Amino acid sequence: MPSLNEVQKQTIAQRLRDGVSIRAIATELHISKNTVLLAKEKINEHSKIIRRVGSSRPKKTTADENIQLANFIREYSFETVVNARQQNQFPCVTENSPEKSPQN
C-alpha cells in the first residue's frame, strides 16, 4: 500500500464509518481505489491502519557500511561500488556478501 499520511488514514477511517463508498473516498483523496480498499482491510484487521514491523525491503548494508559507502562515493564519484569491491578498494563485508578469506 502506498504511504498514507495520518490525515489520509484518519479521513479514510472516518469516511468508511460514515458509509461513504470506496470510489468516493479515492476520488476525494486523489488516491487509487485499491489503496482505499487495502486501508479498509487494515482497519478491519486492527481497527486502525498500522504498518507491520519488518514489512519493508531487507537491508543489504549496515549503518557503518552506509557511512563507508557515502565516503567512498564522495572520494571516487565516478567509480561504482561493485567495481570497487571487485578491485578490493572497498573492504566492507555484509552478511549477504561472501566472506573474504585472509591473505597469507
N, C-alpha and C. Protein backbone atom coordinates (compact mmCIF):
# COMPACT_ATOMS: atom_id res chain seq x y z
N MET A 1 0.86 -1.17 0.00
CA MET A 1 0.00 0.00 0.00
C MET A 1 0.90 1.23 0.00
N PRO A 2 0.62 2.20 -0.88
CA PRO A 2 1.41 3.43 -0.87
C PRO A 2 1.32 4.11 0.49
N SER A 3 2.34 4.90 0.79
CA SER A 3 2.35 5.58 2.09
C SER A 3 1.20 6.57 2.18
N LEU A 4 0.43 6.45 3.22
CA LEU A 4 -0.64 7.39 3.50
C LEU A 4 -0.23 8.20 4.72
N ASN A 5 -0.45 9.51 4.66
CA ASN A 5 -0.14 10.30 5.84
C ASN A 5 -1.27 10.11 6.86
N GLU A 6 -1.04 10.61 8.07
CA GLU A 6 -2.01 10.39 9.15
C GLU A 6 -3.38 10.99 8.84
N VAL A 7 -3.38 12.15 8.19
CA VAL A 7 -4.65 12.79 7.85
C VAL A 7 -5.44 11.91 6.88
N GLN A 8 -4.75 11.36 5.88
CA GLN A 8 -5.43 10.48 4.92
C GLN A 8 -5.97 9.23 5.61
N LYS A 9 -5.16 8.65 6.51
CA LYS A 9 -5.61 7.45 7.23
C LYS A 9 -6.86 7.75 8.05
N GLN A 10 -6.85 8.87 8.76
CA GLN A 10 -8.00 9.24 9.58
C GLN A 10 -9.22 9.55 8.73
N THR A 11 -8.98 10.21 7.60
CA THR A 11 -10.09 10.54 6.69
C THR A 11 -10.72 9.27 6.14
N ILE A 12 -9.89 8.31 5.71
CA ILE A 12 -10.42 7.04 5.19
C ILE A 12 -11.24 6.35 6.25
N ALA A 13 -10.70 6.25 7.46
CA ALA A 13 -11.42 5.57 8.55
C ALA A 13 -12.75 6.25 8.83
N GLN A 14 -12.75 7.58 8.89
CA GLN A 14 -13.98 8.32 9.18
C GLN A 14 -15.00 8.17 8.06
N ARG A 15 -14.55 8.29 6.81
CA ARG A 15 -15.48 8.18 5.67
C ARG A 15 -16.08 6.78 5.59
N LEU A 16 -15.27 5.77 5.90
CA LEU A 16 -15.80 4.40 5.90
C LEU A 16 -16.85 4.23 6.98
N ARG A 17 -16.59 4.80 8.17
CA ARG A 17 -17.59 4.75 9.25
C ARG A 17 -18.88 5.47 8.86
N ASP A 18 -18.73 6.56 8.06
CA ASP A 18 -19.90 7.32 7.61
C ASP A 18 -20.65 6.64 6.47
N GLY A 19 -20.07 5.54 5.94
CA GLY A 19 -20.74 4.80 4.88
C GLY A 19 -20.46 5.30 3.49
N VAL A 20 -19.42 6.11 3.33
CA VAL A 20 -19.05 6.63 2.00
C VAL A 20 -18.40 5.50 1.21
N SER A 21 -18.66 5.47 -0.10
CA SER A 21 -18.14 4.40 -0.94
C SER A 21 -16.63 4.52 -1.12
N ILE A 22 -16.01 3.39 -1.43
CA ILE A 22 -14.56 3.36 -1.67
C ILE A 22 -14.21 4.27 -2.83
N ARG A 23 -15.01 4.23 -3.89
CA ARG A 23 -14.75 5.07 -5.07
C ARG A 23 -14.79 6.56 -4.70
N ALA A 24 -15.77 6.95 -3.89
CA ALA A 24 -15.89 8.36 -3.50
C ALA A 24 -14.71 8.79 -2.62
N ILE A 25 -14.28 7.91 -1.72
CA ILE A 25 -13.13 8.23 -0.87
C ILE A 25 -11.88 8.38 -1.73
N ALA A 26 -11.67 7.46 -2.66
CA ALA A 26 -10.49 7.52 -3.54
C ALA A 26 -10.49 8.80 -4.36
N THR A 27 -11.63 9.18 -4.88
CA THR A 27 -11.73 10.42 -5.67
C THR A 27 -11.45 11.63 -4.81
N GLU A 28 -12.01 11.65 -3.61
CA GLU A 28 -11.82 12.78 -2.70
C GLU A 28 -10.35 12.97 -2.32
N LEU A 29 -9.64 11.86 -2.07
CA LEU A 29 -8.25 11.93 -1.60
C LEU A 29 -7.22 11.83 -2.73
N HIS A 30 -7.71 11.67 -3.96
CA HIS A 30 -6.83 11.56 -5.14
C HIS A 30 -5.87 10.38 -4.99
N ILE A 31 -6.40 9.25 -4.57
CA ILE A 31 -5.63 8.01 -4.47
C ILE A 31 -6.42 6.92 -5.17
N SER A 32 -5.79 5.76 -5.38
CA SER A 32 -6.48 4.69 -6.09
C SER A 32 -7.51 3.99 -5.19
N LYS A 33 -8.48 3.38 -5.85
CA LYS A 33 -9.49 2.62 -5.12
C LYS A 33 -8.83 1.45 -4.38
N ASN A 34 -7.81 0.87 -5.00
CA ASN A 34 -7.11 -0.25 -4.39
C ASN A 34 -6.44 0.19 -3.06
N THR A 35 -5.88 1.39 -3.02
CA THR A 35 -5.27 1.90 -1.80
C THR A 35 -6.31 2.04 -0.70
N VAL A 36 -7.47 2.54 -1.05
CA VAL A 36 -8.55 2.67 -0.06
C VAL A 36 -9.00 1.29 0.40
N LEU A 37 -9.12 0.36 -0.53
CA LEU A 37 -9.53 -1.00 -0.18
C LEU A 37 -8.53 -1.66 0.76
N LEU A 38 -7.23 -1.50 0.47
CA LEU A 38 -6.20 -2.06 1.35
C LEU A 38 -6.24 -1.41 2.73
N ALA A 39 -6.47 -0.11 2.76
CA ALA A 39 -6.59 0.59 4.04
C ALA A 39 -7.80 0.07 4.81
N LYS A 40 -8.89 -0.17 4.11
CA LYS A 40 -10.10 -0.70 4.74
C LYS A 40 -9.83 -2.07 5.36
N GLU A 41 -9.10 -2.92 4.63
CA GLU A 41 -8.76 -4.24 5.15
C GLU A 41 -7.91 -4.13 6.41
N LYS A 42 -6.95 -3.20 6.42
CA LYS A 42 -6.11 -2.99 7.61
C LYS A 42 -6.95 -2.49 8.78
N ILE A 43 -7.89 -1.60 8.48
CA ILE A 43 -8.76 -1.08 9.54
C ILE A 43 -9.59 -2.23 10.12
N ASN A 44 -10.11 -3.09 9.26
CA ASN A 44 -10.91 -4.22 9.73
C ASN A 44 -10.08 -5.18 10.58
N GLU A 45 -8.79 -5.35 10.24
CA GLU A 45 -7.92 -6.25 11.00
C GLU A 45 -7.56 -5.68 12.36
N HIS A 46 -7.24 -4.39 12.40
CA HIS A 46 -6.63 -3.80 13.60
C HIS A 46 -7.42 -2.65 14.18
N SER A 47 -8.52 -2.30 13.60
CA SER A 47 -9.33 -1.14 13.95
C SER A 47 -8.60 0.18 13.73
N LYS A 48 -7.40 0.13 13.20
CA LYS A 48 -6.68 1.33 12.75
C LYS A 48 -5.63 0.88 11.75
N ILE A 49 -5.12 1.80 10.97
CA ILE A 49 -4.15 1.46 9.95
C ILE A 49 -2.76 1.49 10.58
N ILE A 50 -2.09 0.35 10.56
CA ILE A 50 -0.72 0.29 11.08
C ILE A 50 0.16 -0.42 10.06
N ARG A 51 1.43 -0.16 10.12
CA ARG A 51 2.41 -0.80 9.25
C ARG A 51 3.04 -1.94 10.03
N ARG A 52 3.11 -3.10 9.41
CA ARG A 52 3.75 -4.24 10.07
C ARG A 52 5.23 -3.99 10.23
N VAL A 53 5.79 -4.39 11.35
CA VAL A 53 7.21 -4.28 11.58
C VAL A 53 7.91 -5.23 10.63
N GLY A 54 8.95 -4.74 9.97
CA GLY A 54 9.70 -5.59 9.06
C GLY A 54 9.05 -5.80 7.71
N SER A 55 8.08 -4.99 7.36
CA SER A 55 7.39 -5.20 6.08
C SER A 55 8.07 -4.48 4.93
N SER A 56 9.21 -3.84 5.20
CA SER A 56 9.93 -3.18 4.11
C SER A 56 10.99 -4.14 3.54
N ARG A 57 11.66 -3.70 2.53
CA ARG A 57 12.69 -4.49 1.89
C ARG A 57 13.84 -4.72 2.87
N PRO A 58 14.41 -5.93 2.91
CA PRO A 58 15.52 -6.18 3.83
C PRO A 58 16.73 -5.32 3.48
N LYS A 59 17.44 -4.90 4.48
CA LYS A 59 18.61 -4.06 4.28
C LYS A 59 19.78 -4.92 3.81
N LYS A 60 20.57 -4.39 2.89
CA LYS A 60 21.74 -5.09 2.36
C LYS A 60 23.02 -4.66 3.06
N THR A 61 22.99 -3.48 3.69
CA THR A 61 24.20 -2.97 4.34
C THR A 61 23.87 -2.52 5.76
N THR A 62 24.91 -2.46 6.58
CA THR A 62 24.74 -1.95 7.94
C THR A 62 24.89 -0.43 7.93
N ALA A 63 24.63 0.21 9.06
CA ALA A 63 24.77 1.66 9.16
C ALA A 63 26.23 2.07 8.93
N ASP A 64 27.17 1.30 9.49
CA ASP A 64 28.59 1.61 9.28
C ASP A 64 28.97 1.49 7.80
N GLU A 65 28.46 0.45 7.15
CA GLU A 65 28.75 0.28 5.72
C GLU A 65 28.15 1.42 4.90
N ASN A 66 26.98 1.90 5.29
CA ASN A 66 26.37 3.03 4.59
C ASN A 66 27.26 4.26 4.68
N ILE A 67 27.85 4.49 5.84
CA ILE A 67 28.77 5.62 6.01
C ILE A 67 30.00 5.43 5.14
N GLN A 68 30.55 4.20 5.14
CA GLN A 68 31.71 3.91 4.30
C GLN A 68 31.37 4.11 2.82
N LEU A 69 30.18 3.65 2.42
CA LEU A 69 29.76 3.83 1.03
C LEU A 69 29.67 5.31 0.66
N ALA A 70 29.06 6.11 1.53
CA ALA A 70 28.92 7.54 1.26
C ALA A 70 30.29 8.20 1.14
N ASN A 71 31.21 7.87 2.03
CA ASN A 71 32.56 8.44 1.97
C ASN A 71 33.29 8.00 0.71
N PHE A 72 33.13 6.74 0.33
CA PHE A 72 33.76 6.23 -0.88
C PHE A 72 33.23 6.97 -2.11
N ILE A 73 31.92 7.15 -2.17
CA ILE A 73 31.32 7.82 -3.33
C ILE A 73 31.77 9.28 -3.41
N ARG A 74 31.91 9.93 -2.25
CA ARG A 74 32.43 11.31 -2.28
C ARG A 74 33.83 11.37 -2.86
N GLU A 75 34.66 10.39 -2.48
CA GLU A 75 36.06 10.41 -2.93
C GLU A 75 36.20 9.92 -4.37
N TYR A 76 35.46 8.89 -4.73
CA TYR A 76 35.53 8.31 -6.07
C TYR A 76 34.16 8.41 -6.72
N SER A 77 33.77 9.59 -7.12
CA SER A 77 32.40 9.82 -7.57
C SER A 77 32.05 9.10 -8.87
N PHE A 78 33.02 8.72 -9.68
CA PHE A 78 32.72 8.06 -10.94
C PHE A 78 32.96 6.56 -10.90
N GLU A 79 33.28 6.03 -9.75
CA GLU A 79 33.53 4.60 -9.58
C GLU A 79 32.28 3.94 -9.01
N THR A 80 31.94 2.75 -9.48
CA THR A 80 30.81 2.04 -8.90
C THR A 80 31.30 1.21 -7.73
N VAL A 81 30.43 0.98 -6.78
CA VAL A 81 30.79 0.20 -5.60
C VAL A 81 31.09 -1.24 -6.01
N VAL A 82 30.37 -1.77 -6.99
CA VAL A 82 30.61 -3.13 -7.46
C VAL A 82 32.03 -3.25 -7.98
N ASN A 83 32.45 -2.29 -8.82
CA ASN A 83 33.82 -2.32 -9.33
C ASN A 83 34.83 -2.15 -8.22
N ALA A 84 34.54 -1.29 -7.26
CA ALA A 84 35.46 -1.07 -6.15
C ALA A 84 35.62 -2.34 -5.32
N ARG A 85 34.53 -3.04 -5.08
CA ARG A 85 34.63 -4.30 -4.32
C ARG A 85 35.42 -5.34 -5.10
N GLN A 86 35.22 -5.40 -6.40
CA GLN A 86 35.96 -6.37 -7.22
C GLN A 86 37.45 -6.07 -7.22
N GLN A 87 37.80 -4.80 -7.13
CA GLN A 87 39.21 -4.40 -7.13
C GLN A 87 39.77 -4.30 -5.71
N ASN A 88 38.99 -4.76 -4.71
CA ASN A 88 39.39 -4.73 -3.30
C ASN A 88 39.70 -3.33 -2.79
N GLN A 89 39.06 -2.32 -3.38
CA GLN A 89 39.22 -0.96 -2.89
C GLN A 89 38.23 -0.65 -1.78
N PHE A 90 37.24 -1.49 -1.63
CA PHE A 90 36.21 -1.23 -0.64
C PHE A 90 36.02 -2.49 0.19
N PRO A 91 36.54 -2.50 1.42
CA PRO A 91 36.62 -3.74 2.18
C PRO A 91 35.38 -4.17 2.94
N CYS A 92 34.31 -3.39 2.98
CA CYS A 92 33.19 -3.77 3.85
C CYS A 92 32.55 -5.08 3.38
N VAL A 93 32.14 -5.88 4.35
CA VAL A 93 31.52 -7.17 4.08
C VAL A 93 30.20 -7.22 4.84
N THR A 94 29.14 -7.64 4.16
CA THR A 94 27.85 -7.78 4.83
C THR A 94 27.55 -9.26 4.97
N GLU A 95 26.51 -9.56 5.74
CA GLU A 95 26.14 -10.96 5.91
C GLU A 95 25.60 -11.54 4.61
N ASN A 96 25.19 -10.68 3.66
CA ASN A 96 24.68 -11.15 2.38
C ASN A 96 25.78 -11.34 1.35
N SER A 97 26.96 -10.80 1.62
CA SER A 97 28.04 -10.93 0.67
C SER A 97 29.00 -12.02 1.17
N PRO A 98 29.74 -12.66 0.28
CA PRO A 98 30.64 -13.72 0.71
C PRO A 98 31.79 -13.16 1.55
N GLU A 99 32.18 -13.91 2.55
CA GLU A 99 33.29 -13.51 3.41
C GLU A 99 34.59 -13.55 2.60
N LYS A 100 35.44 -12.59 2.88
CA LYS A 100 36.76 -12.58 2.23
C LYS A 100 37.72 -13.41 3.06
N SER A 101 38.48 -14.23 2.40
CA SER A 101 39.44 -15.02 3.14
C SER A 101 40.70 -14.18 3.40
N PRO A 102 41.33 -14.34 4.56
CA PRO A 102 42.53 -13.56 4.85
C PRO A 102 43.65 -13.91 3.89
N GLN A 103 44.39 -12.90 3.49
CA GLN A 103 45.52 -13.07 2.57
C GLN A 103 46.73 -13.53 3.37
N ASN A 104 47.43 -14.55 2.88
CA ASN A 104 48.64 -15.04 3.57
C ASN A 104 49.87 -14.35 3.08
